[in-house]
Amino acid sequence: MTKARNHLGAWGEALVADWYLSQGFEVLARNWRGAAGELDLVVRRGSTVVFCEVKTRSTTAFGTPAEAVSKAKQARLRTLALAWLAEAQPRVAELRFDVGCVLAGEVDVIEAAF
């Protein structure tokens, strides 16, 4: 991955983290690494824990941000979420998987995306 793409991705993750904070969420983890890969954001509000995959694009030339979260990626995120939960052991009543889409600086969070 190039330095520019890394910077773009980190910028998008920061925008989405700020969005969650503005919605009353607490950020529990950013870029958490597990054996199967990485969780971009783990946030909590009350007893709801949200695992958010962030996709940032400057244009739609290669598709929308949400289109980049394939079924295989969803399965990998579920596996990573289980590993994070086993490690962190938070009190949880509800789990949710969101996709944070950043396109040309605009943030759109798809709640309960999968």
PDB file of N, CA and C in Angstrom:
ATOM      1  N   MET A   1       0.847  -1.168   0.000  1.00  0.00           N
ATOM      2  CA  MET A   1       0.000   0.000   0.000  1.00  0.00           C
ATOM      3  C   MET A   1       0.899   1.239   0.000  1.00  0.00           C
ATOM      4  N   THR A   2       0.553   2.212  -0.793  1.00  0.00           N
ATOM      5  CA  THR A   2       1.379   3.401  -0.892  1.00  0.00           C
ATOM      6  C   THR A   2       1.156   4.323   0.300  1.00  0.00           C
ATOM      7  N   LYS A   3       2.100   5.226   0.474  1.00  0.00           N
ATOM      8  CA  LYS A   3       2.011   6.185   1.565  1.00  0.00           C
ATOM      9  C   LYS A   3       0.754   7.059   1.424  1.00  0.00           C
ATOM     10  N   ALA A   4       0.438   7.464   0.190  1.00  0.00           N
ATOM     11  CA  ALA A   4      -0.747   8.296  -0.044  1.00  0.00           C
ATOM     12  C   ALA A   4      -2.024   7.553   0.320  1.00  0.00           C
ATOM     13  N   ARG A   5      -2.109   6.264  -0.034  1.00  0.00           N
ATOM     14  CA  ARG A   5      -3.296   5.471   0.303  1.00  0.00           C
ATOM     15  C   ARG A   5      -3.408   5.267   1.805  1.00  0.00           C
ATOM     16  N   ASN A   6      -2.264   5.045   2.468  1.00  0.00           N
ATOM     17  CA  ASN A   6      -2.274   4.916   3.928  1.00  0.00           C
ATOM     18  C   ASN A   6      -2.796   6.193   4.573  1.00  0.00           C
ATOM     19  N   HIS A   7      -2.328   7.332   4.076  1.00  0.00           N
ATOM     20  CA  HIS A   7      -2.758   8.621   4.613  1.00  0.00           C
ATOM     21  C   HIS A   7      -4.253   8.829   4.384  1.00  0.00           C
ATOM     22  N   LEU A   8      -4.726   8.509   3.177  1.00  0.00           N
ATOM     23  CA  LEU A   8      -6.148   8.649   2.856  1.00  0.00           C
ATOM     24  C   LEU A   8      -6.995   7.772   3.778  1.00  0.00           C
ATOM     25  N   GLY A   9      -6.572   6.528   3.978  1.00  0.00           N
ATOM     26  CA  GLY A   9      -7.309   5.614   4.848  1.00  0.00           C
ATOM     27  C   GLY A   9      -7.343   6.091   6.290  1.00  0.00           C
ATOM     28  N   ALA A  10      -6.208   6.566   6.803  1.00  0.00           N
ATOM     29  CA  ALA A  10      -6.145   7.066   8.181  1.00  0.00           C
ATOM     30  C   ALA A  10      -7.018   8.307   8.347  1.00  0.00           C
ATOM     31  N   TRP A  11      -7.033   9.161   7.334  1.00  0.00           N
ATOM     32  CA  TRP A  11      -7.864  10.364   7.360  1.00  0.00           C
ATOM     33  C   TRP A  11      -9.343   9.976   7.406  1.00  0.00           C
ATOM     34  N   GLY A  12      -9.736   9.015   6.573  1.00  0.00           N
ATOM     35  CA  GLY A  12     -11.118   8.550   6.561  1.00  0.00           C
ATOM     36  C   GLY A  12     -11.524   7.933   7.889  1.00  0.00           C
ATOM     37  N   GLU A  13     -10.638   7.139   8.477  1.00  0.00           N
ATOM     38  CA  GLU A  13     -10.927   6.530   9.775  1.00  0.00           C
ATOM     39  C   GLU A  13     -11.107   7.600  10.848  1.00  0.00           C
ATOM     40  N   ALA A  14     -10.303   8.648  10.798  1.00  0.00           N
ATOM     41  CA  ALA A  14     -10.435   9.739  11.770  1.00  0.00           C
ATOM     42  C   ALA A  14     -11.770  10.458  11.601  1.00  0.00           C
ATOM     43  N   LEU A  15     -12.192  10.677  10.357  1.00  0.00           N
ATOM     44  CA  LEU A  15     -13.488  11.316  10.114  1.00  0.00           C
ATOM     45  C   LEU A  15     -14.637  10.472  10.665  1.00  0.00           C
ATOM     46  N   VAL A  16     -14.572   9.171  10.432  1.00  0.00           N
ATOM     47  CA  VAL A  16     -15.642   8.286  10.916  1.00  0.00           C
ATOM     48  C   VAL A  16     -15.606   8.194  12.441  1.00  0.00           C
ATOM     49  N   ALA A  17     -14.423   8.131  13.033  1.00  0.00           N
ATOM     50  CA  ALA A  17     -14.321   8.120  14.501  1.00  0.00           C
ATOM     51  C   ALA A  17     -14.935   9.389  15.078  1.00  0.00           C
ATOM     52  N   ASP A  18     -14.666  10.528  14.454  1.00  0.00           N
ATOM     53  CA  ASP A  18     -15.261  11.788  14.907  1.00  0.00           C
ATOM     54  C   ASP A  18     -16.781  11.757  14.779  1.00  0.00           C
ATOM     55  N   TRP A  19     -17.278  11.134  13.709  1.00  0.00           N
ATOM     56  CA  TRP A  19     -18.732  11.010  13.532  1.00  0.00           C
ATOM     57  C   TRP A  19     -19.334  10.228  14.700  1.00  0.00           C
ATOM     58  N   TYR A  20     -18.711   9.093  15.045  1.00  0.00           N
ATOM     59  CA  TYR A  20     -19.218   8.301  16.166  1.00  0.00           C
ATOM     60  C   TYR A  20     -19.174   9.097  17.472  1.00  0.00           C
ATOM     61  N   LEU A  21     -18.085   9.803  17.702  1.00  0.00           N
ATOM     62  CA  LEU A  21     -17.980  10.610  18.918  1.00  0.00           C
ATOM     63  C   LEU A  21     -19.099  11.645  18.973  1.00  0.00           C
ATOM     64  N   SER A  22     -19.420  12.255  17.842  1.00  0.00           N
ATOM     65  CA  SER A  22     -20.487  13.254  17.798  1.00  0.00           C
ATOM     66  C   SER A  22     -21.866  12.633  18.045  1.00  0.00           C
ATOM     67  N   GLN A  23     -21.975  11.314  17.858  1.00  0.00           N
ATOM     68  CA  GLN A  23     -23.226  10.596  18.096  1.00  0.00           C
ATOM     69  C   GLN A  23     -23.293  10.001  19.506  1.00  0.00           C
ATOM     70  N   GLY A  24     -22.300  10.321  20.344  1.00  0.00           N
ATOM     71  CA  GLY A  24     -22.312   9.863  21.727  1.00  0.00           C
ATOM     72  C   GLY A  24     -21.645   8.527  21.971  1.00  0.00           C
ATOM     73  N   PHE A  25     -20.881   8.040  21.001  1.00  0.00           N
ATOM     74  CA  PHE A  25     -20.164   6.785  21.164  1.00  0.00           C
ATOM     75  C   PHE A  25     -18.791   7.035  21.788  1.00  0.00           C
ATOM     76  N   GLU A  26     -18.262   6.003  22.398  1.00  0.00           N
ATOM     77  CA  GLU A  26     -16.899   5.986  22.924  1.00  0.00           C
ATOM     78  C   GLU A  26     -16.074   5.077  22.011  1.00  0.00           C
ATOM     79  N   VAL A  27     -14.916   5.524  21.615  1.00  0.00           N
ATOM     80  CA  VAL A  27     -14.040   4.691  20.786  1.00  0.00           C
ATOM     81  C   VAL A  27     -13.258   3.758  21.711  1.00  0.00           C
ATOM     82  N   LEU A  28     -13.466   2.449  21.523  1.00  0.00           N
ATOM     83  CA  LEU A  28     -12.779   1.448  22.333  1.00  0.00           C
ATOM     84  C   LEU A  28     -11.477   0.978  21.701  1.00  0.00           C
ATOM     85  N   ALA A  29     -11.439   0.937  20.376  1.00  0.00           N
ATOM     86  CA  ALA A  29     -10.229   0.464  19.681  1.00  0.00           C
ATOM     87  C   ALA A  29     -10.192   1.049  18.276  1.00  0.00           C
ATOM     88  N   ARG A  30      -8.972   1.331  17.840  1.00  0.00           N
ATOM     89  CA  ARG A  30      -8.727   1.764  16.458  1.00  0.00           C
ATOM     90  C   ARG A  30      -7.600   0.904  15.918  1.00  0.00           C
ATOM     91  N   ASN A  31      -7.819   0.374  14.739  1.00  0.00           N
ATOM     92  CA  ASN A  31      -6.804  -0.447  14.064  1.00  0.00           C
ATOM     93  C   ASN A  31      -6.329  -1.607  14.935  1.00  0.00           C
ATOM     94  N   TRP A  32      -7.286  -2.296  15.552  1.00  0.00           N
ATOM     95  CA  TRP A  32      -6.960  -3.460  16.382  1.00  0.00           C
ATOM     96  C   TRP A  32      -6.564  -4.616  15.471  1.00  0.00           C
ATOM     97  N   ARG A  33      -5.409  -5.221  15.755  1.00  0.00           N
ATOM     98  CA  ARG A  33      -4.892  -6.316  14.936  1.00  0.00           C
ATOM     99  C   ARG A  33      -5.148  -7.656  15.594  1.00  0.00           C
ATOM    100  N   GLY A  34      -5.657  -8.571  14.786  1.00  0.00           N
ATOM    101  CA  GLY A  34      -5.844  -9.948  15.203  1.00  0.00           C
ATOM    102  C   GLY A  34      -5.217 -10.861  14.168  1.00  0.00           C
ATOM    103  N   ALA A  35      -5.271 -12.149  14.394  1.00  0.00           N
ATOM    104  CA  ALA A  35      -4.647 -13.106  13.479  1.00  0.00           C
ATOM    105  C   ALA A  35      -5.245 -13.048  12.077  1.00  0.00           C
ATOM    106  N   ALA A  36      -6.528 -12.702  11.973  1.00  0.00           N
ATOM    107  CA  ALA A  36      -7.209 -12.693  10.670  1.00  0.00           C
ATOM    108  C   ALA A  36      -7.164 -11.334   9.975  1.00  0.00           C
ATOM    109  N   GLY A  37      -6.578 -10.322  10.639  1.00  0.00           N
ATOM    110  CA  GLY A  37      -6.513  -9.005  10.011  1.00  0.00           C
ATOM    111  C   GLY A  37      -6.709  -7.892  11.015  1.00  0.00           C
ATOM    112  N   GLU A  38      -7.434  -6.853  10.592  1.00  0.00           N
ATOM    113  CA  GLU A  38      -7.561  -5.647  11.403  1.00  0.00           C
ATOM    114  C   GLU A  38      -9.002  -5.157  11.477  1.00  0.00           C
ATOM    115  N   LEU A  39      -9.381  -4.705  12.667  1.00  0.00           N
ATOM    116  CA  LEU A  39     -10.658  -4.008  12.854  1.00  0.00           C
ATOM    117  C   LEU A  39     -10.354  -2.519  12.830  1.00  0.00           C
ATOM    118  N   ASP A  40     -11.030  -1.777  11.960  1.00  0.00           N
ATOM    119  CA  ASP A  40     -10.764  -0.347  11.854  1.00  0.00           C
ATOM    120  C   ASP A  40     -11.194   0.408  13.106  1.00  0.00           C
ATOM    121  N   LEU A  41     -12.459   0.233  13.486  1.00  0.00           N
ATOM    122  CA  LEU A  41     -12.991   0.935  14.661  1.00  0.00           C
ATOM    123  C   LEU A  41     -13.893   0.012  15.468  1.00  0.00           C
ATOM    124  N   VAL A  42     -13.758   0.088  16.777  1.00  0.00           N
ATOM    125  CA  VAL A  42     -14.694  -0.563  17.691  1.00  0.00           C
ATOM    126  C   VAL A  42     -15.182   0.550  18.609  1.00  0.00           C
ATOM    127  N   VAL A  43     -16.493   0.752  18.618  1.00  0.00           N
ATOM    128  CA  VAL A  43     -17.068   1.832  19.415  1.00  0.00           C
ATOM    129  C   VAL A  43     -18.205   1.284  20.261  1.00  0.00           C
ATOM    130  N   ARG A  44     -18.549   2.056  21.309  1.00  0.00           N
ATOM    131  CA  ARG A  44     -19.630   1.619  22.201  1.00  0.00           C
ATOM    132  C   ARG A  44     -20.460   2.826  22.634  1.00  0.00           C
ATOM    133  N   ARG A  45     -21.748   2.580  22.706  1.00  0.00           N
ATOM    134  CA  ARG A  45     -22.670   3.531  23.334  1.00  0.00           C
ATOM    135  C   ARG A  45     -23.592   2.687  24.183  1.00  0.00           C
ATOM    136  N   GLY A  46     -23.533   2.895  25.480  1.00  0.00           N
ATOM    137  CA  GLY A  46     -24.307   2.056  26.397  1.00  0.00           C
ATOM    138  C   GLY A  46     -23.804   0.625  26.331  1.00  0.00           C
ATOM    139  N   SER A  47     -24.718  -0.303  26.110  1.00  0.00           N
ATOM    140  CA  SER A  47     -24.331  -1.713  26.034  1.00  0.00           C
ATOM    141  C   SER A  47     -24.255  -2.210  24.585  1.00  0.00           C
ATOM    142  N   THR A  48     -24.249  -1.269  23.633  1.00  0.00           N
ATOM    143  CA  THR A  48     -24.124  -1.627  22.219  1.00  0.00           C
ATOM    144  C   THR A  48     -22.687  -1.432  21.762  1.00  0.00           C
ATOM    145  N   VAL A  49     -22.099  -2.492  21.239  1.00  0.00           N
ATOM    146  CA  VAL A  49     -20.750  -2.425  20.684  1.00  0.00           C
ATOM    147  C   VAL A  49     -20.867  -2.534  19.172  1.00  0.00           C
ATOM    148  N   VAL A  50     -20.185  -1.618  18.487  1.00  0.00           N
ATOM    149  CA  VAL A  50     -20.230  -1.553  17.031  1.00  0.00           C
ATOM    150  C   VAL A  50     -18.830  -1.778  16.473  1.00  0.00           C
ATOM    151  N   PHE A  51     -18.763  -2.683  15.507  1.00  0.00           N
ATOM    152  CA  PHE A  51     -17.533  -2.911  14.753  1.00  0.00           C
ATOM    153  C   PHE A  51     -17.732  -2.213  13.410  1.00  0.00           C
ATOM    154  N   CYS A  52     -16.883  -1.254  13.114  1.00  0.00           N
ATOM    155  CA  CYS A  52     -17.066  -0.457  11.897  1.00  0.00           C
ATOM    156  C   CYS A  52     -15.883  -0.646  10.952  1.00  0.00           C
ATOM    157  N   GLU A  53     -16.187  -1.090   9.758  1.00  0.00           N
ATOM    158  CA  GLU A  53     -15.201  -1.171   8.681  1.00  0.00           C
ATOM    159  C   GLU A  53     -15.274   0.156   7.924  1.00  0.00           C
ATOM    160  N   VAL A  54     -14.153   0.827   7.804  1.00  0.00           N
ATOM    161  CA  VAL A  54     -14.117   2.129   7.147  1.00  0.00           C
ATOM    162  C   VAL A  54     -13.496   1.977   5.763  1.00  0.00           C
ATOM    163  N   LYS A  55     -14.191   2.505   4.782  1.00  0.00           N
ATOM    164  CA  LYS A  55     -13.691   2.517   3.404  1.00  0.00           C
ATOM    165  C   LYS A  55     -13.698   3.961   2.920  1.00  0.00           C
ATOM    166  N   THR A  56     -12.556   4.406   2.436  1.00  0.00           N
ATOM    167  CA  THR A  56     -12.395   5.783   1.985  1.00  0.00           C
ATOM    168  C   THR A  56     -12.019   5.788   0.516  1.00  0.00           C
ATOM    169  N   ARG A  57     -12.706   6.612  -0.229  1.00  0.00           N
ATOM    170  CA  ARG A  57     -12.428   6.769  -1.661  1.00  0.00           C
ATOM    171  C   ARG A  57     -12.437   8.257  -1.994  1.00  0.00           C
ATOM    172  N   SER A  58     -11.609   8.641  -2.937  1.00  0.00           N
ATOM    173  CA  SER A  58     -11.637  10.025  -3.398  1.00  0.00           C
ATOM    174  C   SER A  58     -12.598  10.177  -4.569  1.00  0.00           C
ATOM    175  N   THR A  59     -12.841   9.076  -5.303  1.00  0.00           N
ATOM    176  CA  THR A  59     -13.815   9.061  -6.403  1.00  0.00           C
ATOM    177  C   THR A  59     -14.487   7.689  -6.427  1.00  0.00           C
ATOM    178  N   THR A  60     -15.469   7.539  -7.307  1.00  0.00           N
ATOM    179  CA  THR A  60     -16.126   6.243  -7.462  1.00  0.00           C
ATOM    180  C   THR A  60     -15.591   5.490  -8.688  1.00  0.00           C
ATOM    181  N   ALA A  61     -14.430   5.878  -9.167  1.00  0.00           N
ATOM    182  CA  ALA A  61     -13.853   5.239 -10.358  1.00  0.00           C
ATOM    183  C   ALA A  61     -13.696   3.728 -10.175  1.00  0.00           C
ATOM    184  N   PHE A  62     -13.455   3.290  -8.951  1.00  0.00           N
ATOM    185  CA  PHE A  62     -13.297   1.859  -8.673  1.00  0.00           C
ATOM    186  C   PHE A  62     -14.438   1.341  -7.801  1.00  0.00           C
ATOM    187  N   GLY A  63     -15.581   2.016  -7.851  1.00  0.00           N
ATOM    188  CA  GLY A  63     -16.744   1.619  -7.069  1.00  0.00           C
ATOM    189  C   GLY A  63     -16.914   2.486  -5.843  1.00  0.00           C
ATOM    190  N   THR A  64     -18.056   2.326  -5.212  1.00  0.00           N
ATOM    191  CA  THR A  64     -18.341   3.083  -3.994  1.00  0.00           C
ATOM    192  C   THR A  64     -17.614   2.446  -2.816  1.00  0.00           C
ATOM    193  N   PRO A  65     -17.437   3.194  -1.740  1.00  0.00           N
ATOM    194  CA  PRO A  65     -16.783   2.600  -0.569  1.00  0.00           C
ATOM    195  C   PRO A  65     -17.494   1.343  -0.061  1.00  0.00           C
ATOM    196  N   ALA A  66     -18.816   1.370  -0.008  1.00  0.00           N
ATOM    197  CA  ALA A  66     -19.567   0.222   0.526  1.00  0.00           C
ATOM    198  C   ALA A  66     -19.375  -1.029  -0.324  1.00  0.00           C
ATOM    199  N   GLU A  67     -19.189  -0.875  -1.619  1.00  0.00           N
ATOM    200  CA  GLU A  67     -19.008  -2.032  -2.503  1.00  0.00           C
ATOM    201  C   GLU A  67     -17.718  -2.792  -2.213  1.00  0.00           C
ATOM    202  N   ALA A  68     -16.801  -2.165  -1.507  1.00  0.00           N
ATOM    203  CA  ALA A  68     -15.529  -2.806  -1.196  1.00  0.00           C
ATOM    204  C   ALA A  68     -15.628  -3.797  -0.032  1.00  0.00           C
ATOM    205  N   VAL A  69     -16.782  -3.854   0.630  1.00  0.00           N
ATOM    206  CA  VAL A  69     -16.953  -4.767   1.765  1.00  0.00           C
ATOM    207  C   VAL A  69     -17.686  -6.008   1.263  1.00  0.00           C
ATOM    208  N   SER A  70     -16.903  -6.945   0.748  1.00  0.00           N
ATOM    209  CA  SER A  70     -17.439  -8.174   0.160  1.00  0.00           C
ATOM    210  C   SER A  70     -17.936  -9.141   1.234  1.00  0.00           C
ATOM    211  N   LYS A  71     -18.583 -10.204   0.799  1.00  0.00           N
ATOM    212  CA  LYS A  71     -19.037 -11.256   1.728  1.00  0.00           C
ATOM    213  C   LYS A  71     -17.845 -11.871   2.464  1.00  0.00           C
ATOM    214  N   ALA A  72     -16.738 -12.066   1.747  1.00  0.00           N
ATOM    215  CA  ALA A  72     -15.536 -12.627   2.378  1.00  0.00           C
ATOM    216  C   ALA A  72     -14.996 -11.671   3.444  1.00  0.00           C
ATOM    217  N   LYS A  73     -15.011 -10.373   3.161  1.00  0.00           N
ATOM    218  CA  LYS A  73     -14.551  -9.373   4.131  1.00  0.00           C
ATOM    219  C   LYS A  73     -15.479  -9.359   5.342  1.00  0.00           C
ATOM    220  N   GLN A  74     -16.768  -9.485   5.112  1.00  0.00           N
ATOM    221  CA  GLN A  74     -17.726  -9.530   6.213  1.00  0.00           C
ATOM    222  C   GLN A  74     -17.449 -10.725   7.129  1.00  0.00           C
ATOM    223  N   ALA A  75     -17.182 -11.868   6.543  1.00  0.00           N
ATOM    224  CA  ALA A  75     -16.877 -13.067   7.333  1.00  0.00           C
ATOM    225  C   ALA A  75     -15.605 -12.871   8.149  1.00  0.00           C
ATOM    226  N   ARG A  76     -14.593 -12.265   7.542  1.00  0.00           N
ATOM    227  CA  ARG A  76     -13.332 -12.005   8.247  1.00  0.00           C
ATOM    228  C   ARG A  76     -13.565 -11.030   9.410  1.00  0.00           C
ATOM    229  N   LEU A  77     -14.415 -10.025   9.201  1.00  0.00           N
ATOM    230  CA  LEU A  77     -14.715  -9.065  10.265  1.00  0.00           C
ATOM    231  C   LEU A  77     -15.450  -9.723  11.417  1.00  0.00           C
ATOM    232  N   ARG A  78     -16.334 -10.660  11.112  1.00  0.00           N
ATOM    233  CA  ARG A  78     -17.032 -11.390  12.185  1.00  0.00           C
ATOM    234  C   ARG A  78     -16.033 -12.204  13.020  1.00  0.00           C
ATOM    235  N   THR A  79     -15.100 -12.851  12.340  1.00  0.00           N
ATOM    236  CA  THR A  79     -14.065 -13.622  13.037  1.00  0.00           C
ATOM    237  C   THR A  79     -13.212 -12.711  13.925  1.00  0.00           C
ATOM    238  N   LEU A  80     -12.826 -11.570  13.392  1.00  0.00           N
ATOM    239  CA  LEU A  80     -12.033 -10.608  14.162  1.00  0.00           C
ATOM    240  C   LEU A  80     -12.824 -10.069  15.351  1.00  0.00           C
ATOM    241  N   ALA A  81     -14.118  -9.823  15.152  1.00  0.00           N
ATOM    242  CA  ALA A  81     -14.954  -9.322  16.240  1.00  0.00           C
ATOM    243  C   ALA A  81     -15.002 -10.328  17.390  1.00  0.00           C
ATOM    244  N   LEU A  82     -15.140 -11.601  17.062  1.00  0.00           N
ATOM    245  CA  LEU A  82     -15.138 -12.630  18.112  1.00  0.00           C
ATOM    246  C   LEU A  82     -13.822 -12.630  18.881  1.00  0.00           C
ATOM    247  N   ALA A  83     -12.713 -12.480  18.177  1.00  0.00           N
ATOM    248  CA  ALA A  83     -11.402 -12.434  18.837  1.00  0.00           C
ATOM    249  C   ALA A  83     -11.288 -11.208  19.728  1.00  0.00           C
ATOM    250  N   TRP A  84     -11.768 -10.052  19.242  1.00  0.00           N
ATOM    251  CA  TRP A  84     -11.712  -8.832  20.044  1.00  0.00           C
ATOM    252  C   TRP A  84     -12.571  -8.981  21.299  1.00  0.00           C
ATOM    253  N   LEU A  85     -13.776  -9.524  21.135  1.00  0.00           N
ATOM    254  CA  LEU A  85     -14.667  -9.717  22.278  1.00  0.00           C
ATOM    255  C   LEU A  85     -14.051 -10.648  23.317  1.00  0.00           C
ATOM    256  N   ALA A  86     -13.397 -11.715  22.864  1.00  0.00           N
ATOM    257  CA  ALA A  86     -12.753 -12.654  23.789  1.00  0.00           C
ATOM    258  C   ALA A  86     -11.625 -11.964  24.564  1.00  0.00           C
ATOM    259  N   GLU A  87     -10.926 -11.070  23.893  1.00  0.00           N
ATOM    260  CA  GLU A  87      -9.807 -10.364  24.536  1.00  0.00           C
ATOM    261  C   GLU A  87     -10.292  -9.252  25.462  1.00  0.00           C
ATOM    262  N   ALA A  88     -11.202  -8.418  24.990  1.00  0.00           N
ATOM    263  CA  ALA A  88     -11.629  -7.235  25.741  1.00  0.00           C
ATOM    264  C   ALA A  88     -12.686  -7.546  26.797  1.00  0.00           C
ATOM    265  N   GLN A  89     -13.514  -8.540  26.558  1.00  0.00           N
ATOM    266  CA  GLN A  89     -14.590  -8.963  27.452  1.00  0.00           C
ATOM    267  C   GLN A  89     -15.451  -7.809  27.961  1.00  0.00           C
ATOM    268  N   PRO A  90     -15.971  -7.003  27.029  1.00  0.00           N
ATOM    269  CA  PRO A  90     -16.837  -5.902  27.467  1.00  0.00           C
ATOM    270  C   PRO A  90     -18.240  -6.412  27.796  1.00  0.00           C
ATOM    271  N   ARG A  91     -18.976  -5.629  28.555  1.00  0.00           N
ATOM    272  CA  ARG A  91     -20.391  -5.938  28.781  1.00  0.00           C
ATOM    273  C   ARG A  91     -21.141  -5.524  27.523  1.00  0.00           C
ATOM    274  N   VAL A  92     -21.831  -6.489  26.935  1.00  0.00           N
ATOM    275  CA  VAL A  92     -22.488  -6.239  25.656  1.00  0.00           C
ATOM    276  C   VAL A  92     -23.899  -6.811  25.679  1.00  0.00           C
ATOM    277  N   ALA A  93     -24.859  -6.009  25.244  1.00  0.00           N
ATOM    278  CA  ALA A  93     -26.221  -6.499  25.057  1.00  0.00           C
ATOM    279  C   ALA A  93     -26.531  -6.626  23.576  1.00  0.00           C
ATOM    280  N   GLU A  94     -25.865  -5.796  22.765  1.00  0.00           N
ATOM    281  CA  GLU A  94     -26.121  -5.795  21.329  1.00  0.00           C
ATOM    282  C   GLU A  94     -24.806  -5.575  20.578  1.00  0.00           C
ATOM    283  N   LEU A  95     -24.652  -6.325  19.499  1.00  0.00           N
ATOM    284  CA  LEU A  95     -23.508  -6.153  18.596  1.00  0.00           C
ATOM    285  C   LEU A  95     -24.025  -5.660  17.259  1.00  0.00           C
ATOM    286  N   ARG A  96     -23.215  -4.849  16.602  1.00  0.00           N
ATOM    287  CA  ARG A  96     -23.617  -4.333  15.303  1.00  0.00           C
ATOM    288  C   ARG A  96     -22.389  -4.198  14.417  1.00  0.00           C
ATOM    289  N   PHE A  97     -22.574  -4.424  13.125  1.00  0.00           N
ATOM    290  CA  PHE A  97     -21.511  -4.227  12.149  1.00  0.00           C
ATOM    291  C   PHE A  97     -21.928  -3.101  11.211  1.00  0.00           C
ATOM    292  N   ASP A  98     -21.166  -2.019  11.235  1.00  0.00           N
ATOM    293  CA  ASP A  98     -21.429  -0.864  10.384  1.00  0.00           C
ATOM    294  C   ASP A  98     -20.351  -0.755   9.320  1.00  0.00           C
ATOM    295  N   VAL A  99     -20.651  -0.008   8.273  1.00  0.00           N
ATOM    296  CA  VAL A  99     -19.646   0.352   7.272  1.00  0.00           C
ATOM    297  C   VAL A  99     -19.604   1.874   7.226  1.00  0.00           C
ATOM    298  N   GLY A 100     -18.421   2.420   7.510  1.00  0.00           N
ATOM    299  CA  GLY A 100     -18.210   3.851   7.433  1.00  0.00           C
ATOM    300  C   GLY A 100     -17.669   4.179   6.051  1.00  0.00           C
ATOM    301  N   CYS A 101     -18.445   4.931   5.284  1.00  0.00           N
ATOM    302  CA  CYS A 101     -18.069   5.278   3.914  1.00  0.00           C
ATOM    303  C   CYS A 101     -17.645   6.733   3.865  1.00  0.00           C
ATOM    304  N   VAL A 102     -16.456   6.966   3.345  1.00  0.00           N
ATOM    305  CA  VAL A 102     -15.981   8.331   3.151  1.00  0.00           C
ATOM    306  C   VAL A 102     -15.711   8.485   1.663  1.00  0.00           C
ATOM    307  N   LEU A 103     -16.443   9.391   1.056  1.00  0.00           N
ATOM    308  CA  LEU A 103     -16.295   9.651  -0.373  1.00  0.00           C
ATOM    309  C   LEU A 103     -16.107  11.149  -0.559  1.00  0.00           C
ATOM    310  N   ALA A 104     -14.931  11.513  -1.059  1.00  0.00           N
ATOM    311  CA  ALA A 104     -14.595  12.922  -1.298  1.00  0.00           C
ATOM    312  C   ALA A 104     -14.837  13.778  -0.051  1.00  0.00           C
ATOM    313  N   GLY A 105     -14.498  13.228   1.116  1.00  0.00           N
ATOM    314  CA  GLY A 105     -14.611  13.973   2.368  1.00  0.00           C
ATOM    315  C   GLY A 105     -15.965  13.925   3.043  1.00  0.00           C
ATOM    316  N   GLU A 106     -16.960  13.326   2.417  1.00  0.00           N
ATOM    317  CA  GLU A 106     -18.290  13.203   3.006  1.00  0.00           C
ATOM    318  C   GLU A 106     -18.415  11.858   3.720  1.00  0.00           C
ATOM    319  N   VAL A 107     -18.927  11.883   4.944  1.00  0.00           N
ATOM    320  CA  VAL A 107     -19.063  10.664   5.759  1.00  0.00           C
ATOM    321  C   VAL A 107     -20.504  10.173   5.697  1.00  0.00           C
ATOM    322  N   ASP A 108     -20.645   8.887   5.440  1.00  0.00           N
ATOM    323  CA  ASP A 108     -21.934   8.206   5.474  1.00  0.00           C
ATOM    324  C   ASP A 108     -21.719   6.891   6.198  1.00  0.00           C
ATOM    325  N   VAL A 109     -22.376   6.709   7.323  1.00  0.00           N
ATOM    326  CA  VAL A 109     -22.244   5.472   8.098  1.00  0.00           C
ATOM    327  C   VAL A 109     -23.484   4.629   7.841  1.00  0.00           C
ATOM    328  N   ILE A 110     -23.262   3.434   7.331  1.00  0.00           N
ATOM    329  CA  ILE A 110     -24.355   2.487   7.103  1.00  0.00           C
ATOM    330  C   ILE A 110     -24.443   1.625   8.365  1.00  0.00           C
ATOM    331  N   GLU A 111     -25.443   1.893   9.177  1.00  0.00           N
ATOM    332  CA  GLU A 111     -25.604   1.154  10.422  1.00  0.00           C
ATOM    333  C   GLU A 111     -26.209  -0.210  10.144  1.00  0.00           C
ATOM    334  N   ALA A 112     -25.743  -1.214  10.882  1.00  0.00           N
ATOM    335  CA  ALA A 112     -26.222  -2.597  10.734  1.00  0.00           C
ATOM    336  C   ALA A 112     -26.142  -3.026   9.271  1.00  0.00           C
ATOM    337  N   ALA A 113     -24.991  -2.781   8.669  1.00  0.00           N
ATOM    338  CA  ALA A 113     -24.799  -3.044   7.242  1.00  0.00           C
ATOM    339  C   ALA A 113     -24.827  -4.533   6.911  1.00  0.00           C
ATOM    340  N   PHE A 114     -24.405  -5.353   7.851  1.00  0.00           N
ATOM    341  CA  PHE A 114     -24.422  -6.807   7.647  1.00  0.00           C
ATOM    342  C   PHE A 114     -24.460  -7.518   8.972  1.00  0.00           C
TER     343      PHE A 114
END
